[in-house]
Amino acid sequence: EVDSILCRRREGEHEASRRLKNEFFSSFDSIVGNDDQRVLLIAATNRPQELDDAAIRRFTKKLLVPMPDKDTRRSVL
């Protein structure tokens, strides 16, 4: 899940985590800025409130998939 690497930045965050986020954002921006390539990046999370604002801004489409109701869960099982 994307929140494991793109969670909100916090005071005292490990330098390696901060560098990983910065590298992701830099790579993401260079892919999106290249008109010769069409790239579809799909990310999933159960905790959207934990995502870094910079990550949220970079995803142009957001899709909420709600929890299934009781009858649907039962039919799946």
C-alpha atoms as a PDB file:
ATOM      1  CA  GLU A   1       0.000   0.000   0.000  1.00  0.00           C
ATOM      2  CA  VAL A   2       1.260   3.416  -0.956  1.00  0.00           C
ATOM      3  CA  ASP A   3       0.892   4.882   2.543  1.00  0.00           C
ATOM      4  CA  SER A   4       3.828   2.745   3.671  1.00  0.00           C
ATOM      5  CA  ILE A   5       6.230   4.890   1.615  1.00  0.00           C
ATOM      6  CA  LEU A   6       4.283   8.112   1.015  1.00  0.00           C
ATOM      7  CA  CYS A   7       2.982   8.855   4.511  1.00  0.00           C
ATOM      8  CA  ARG A   8       2.952  12.394   5.866  1.00  0.00           C
ATOM      9  CA  ARG A   9       6.307  13.854   6.759  1.00  0.00           C
ATOM     10  CA  ARG A  10       6.823  14.147  10.482  1.00  0.00           C
ATOM     11  CA  GLU A  11       9.366  15.699  12.785  1.00  0.00           C
ATOM     12  CA  GLY A  12      12.086  13.186  13.509  1.00  0.00           C
ATOM     13  CA  GLU A  13      11.374  11.135  10.398  1.00  0.00           C
ATOM     14  CA  HIS A  14      14.297   8.937   9.370  1.00  0.00           C
ATOM     15  CA  GLU A  15      16.460  10.495   6.641  1.00  0.00           C
ATOM     16  CA  ALA A  16      16.134   7.379   4.461  1.00  0.00           C
ATOM     17  CA  SER A  17      12.332   7.735   4.443  1.00  0.00           C
ATOM     18  CA  ARG A  18      12.573  11.385   3.491  1.00  0.00           C
ATOM     19  CA  ARG A  19      14.986  10.589   0.657  1.00  0.00           C
ATOM     20  CA  LEU A  20      12.750   7.800  -0.630  1.00  0.00           C
ATOM     21  CA  LYS A  21       9.784  10.179  -0.833  1.00  0.00           C
ATOM     22  CA  ASN A  22      11.824  12.850  -2.574  1.00  0.00           C
ATOM     23  CA  GLU A  23      13.131  10.316  -5.097  1.00  0.00           C
ATOM     24  CA  PHE A  24       9.605   9.054  -5.775  1.00  0.00           C
ATOM     25  CA  PHE A  25       8.294  12.587  -6.308  1.00  0.00           C
ATOM     26  CA  SER A  26      11.194  13.476  -8.597  1.00  0.00           C
ATOM     27  CA  SER A  27      10.756  10.307 -10.659  1.00  0.00           C
ATOM     28  CA  PHE A  28       6.990  10.746 -10.771  1.00  0.00           C
ATOM     29  CA  ASP A  29       7.322  14.333 -11.995  1.00  0.00           C
ATOM     30  CA  SER A  30       9.769  13.365 -14.755  1.00  0.00           C
ATOM     31  CA  ILE A  31       7.453  10.604 -16.014  1.00  0.00           C
ATOM     32  CA  VAL A  32       4.371  12.828 -15.995  1.00  0.00           C
ATOM     33  CA  GLY A  33       6.280  15.605 -17.747  1.00  0.00           C
ATOM     34  CA  ASN A  34       7.301  13.320 -20.639  1.00  0.00           C
ATOM     35  CA  ASP A  35       4.690  13.601 -23.413  1.00  0.00           C
ATOM     36  CA  ASP A  36       6.275  10.715 -25.352  1.00  0.00           C
ATOM     37  CA  GLN A  37       5.169   8.171 -22.762  1.00  0.00           C
ATOM     38  CA  ARG A  38       1.773   7.293 -21.404  1.00  0.00           C
ATOM     39  CA  VAL A  39       2.068   5.903 -17.909  1.00  0.00           C
ATOM     40  CA  LEU A  40      -0.723   4.706 -15.660  1.00  0.00           C
ATOM     41  CA  LEU A  41       0.227   4.617 -12.002  1.00  0.00           C
ATOM     42  CA  ILE A  42      -2.246   3.025  -9.625  1.00  0.00           C
ATOM     43  CA  ALA A  43      -1.825   3.271  -5.876  1.00  0.00           C
ATOM     44  CA  ALA A  44      -3.974   1.836  -3.118  1.00  0.00           C
ATOM     45  CA  THR A  45      -4.357   2.622   0.554  1.00  0.00           C
ATOM     46  CA  ASN A  46      -6.703   1.922   3.424  1.00  0.00           C
ATOM     47  CA  ARG A  47      -5.520   5.114   5.127  1.00  0.00           C
ATOM     48  CA  PRO A  48      -5.795   8.065   2.699  1.00  0.00           C
ATOM     49  CA  GLN A  49      -5.641  10.512   5.620  1.00  0.00           C
ATOM     50  CA  GLU A  50      -2.050   9.345   6.250  1.00  0.00           C
ATOM     51  CA  LEU A  51      -0.770  10.287   2.770  1.00  0.00           C
ATOM     52  CA  ASP A  52       1.614  13.186   2.282  1.00  0.00           C
ATOM     53  CA  ASP A  53      -0.089  16.210   0.694  1.00  0.00           C
ATOM     54  CA  ALA A  54       2.560  16.251  -2.045  1.00  0.00           C
ATOM     55  CA  ALA A  55       1.601  12.685  -2.975  1.00  0.00           C
ATOM     56  CA  ILE A  56      -2.114  13.468  -3.052  1.00  0.00           C
ATOM     57  CA  ARG A  57      -1.535  16.448  -5.370  1.00  0.00           C
ATOM     58  CA  ARG A  58       0.331  14.284  -7.882  1.00  0.00           C
ATOM     59  CA  PHE A  59      -2.511  11.815  -8.395  1.00  0.00           C
ATOM     60  CA  THR A  60      -4.998  13.487 -10.732  1.00  0.00           C
ATOM     61  CA  LYS A  61      -7.774  10.923 -10.288  1.00  0.00           C
ATOM     62  CA  LYS A  62      -8.926   9.564  -6.961  1.00  0.00           C
ATOM     63  CA  LEU A  63     -11.417   6.735  -6.606  1.00  0.00           C
ATOM     64  CA  LEU A  64     -13.040   5.764  -3.335  1.00  0.00           C
ATOM     65  CA  VAL A  65     -14.032   2.108  -3.125  1.00  0.00           C
ATOM     66  CA  PRO A  66     -16.303   1.819  -0.096  1.00  0.00           C
ATOM     67  CA  MET A  67     -16.555  -1.229   2.106  1.00  0.00           C
ATOM     68  CA  PRO A  68     -19.172  -3.685   0.839  1.00  0.00           C
ATOM     69  CA  ASP A  69     -22.379  -4.000   2.799  1.00  0.00           C
ATOM     70  CA  LYS A  70     -23.176  -7.038   4.926  1.00  0.00           C
ATOM     71  CA  ASP A  71     -25.052  -8.936   2.189  1.00  0.00           C
ATOM     72  CA  THR A  72     -22.279  -8.380  -0.347  1.00  0.00           C
ATOM     73  CA  ARG A  73     -19.614  -9.552   2.096  1.00  0.00           C
ATOM     74  CA  ARG A  74     -21.654 -12.658   2.806  1.00  0.00           C
ATOM     75  CA  SER A  75     -22.075 -13.431  -0.923  1.00  0.00           C
ATOM     76  CA  VAL A  76     -18.329 -13.061  -1.510  1.00  0.00           C
ATOM     77  CA  LEU A  77     -17.550 -15.515   1.257  1.00  0.00           C
END
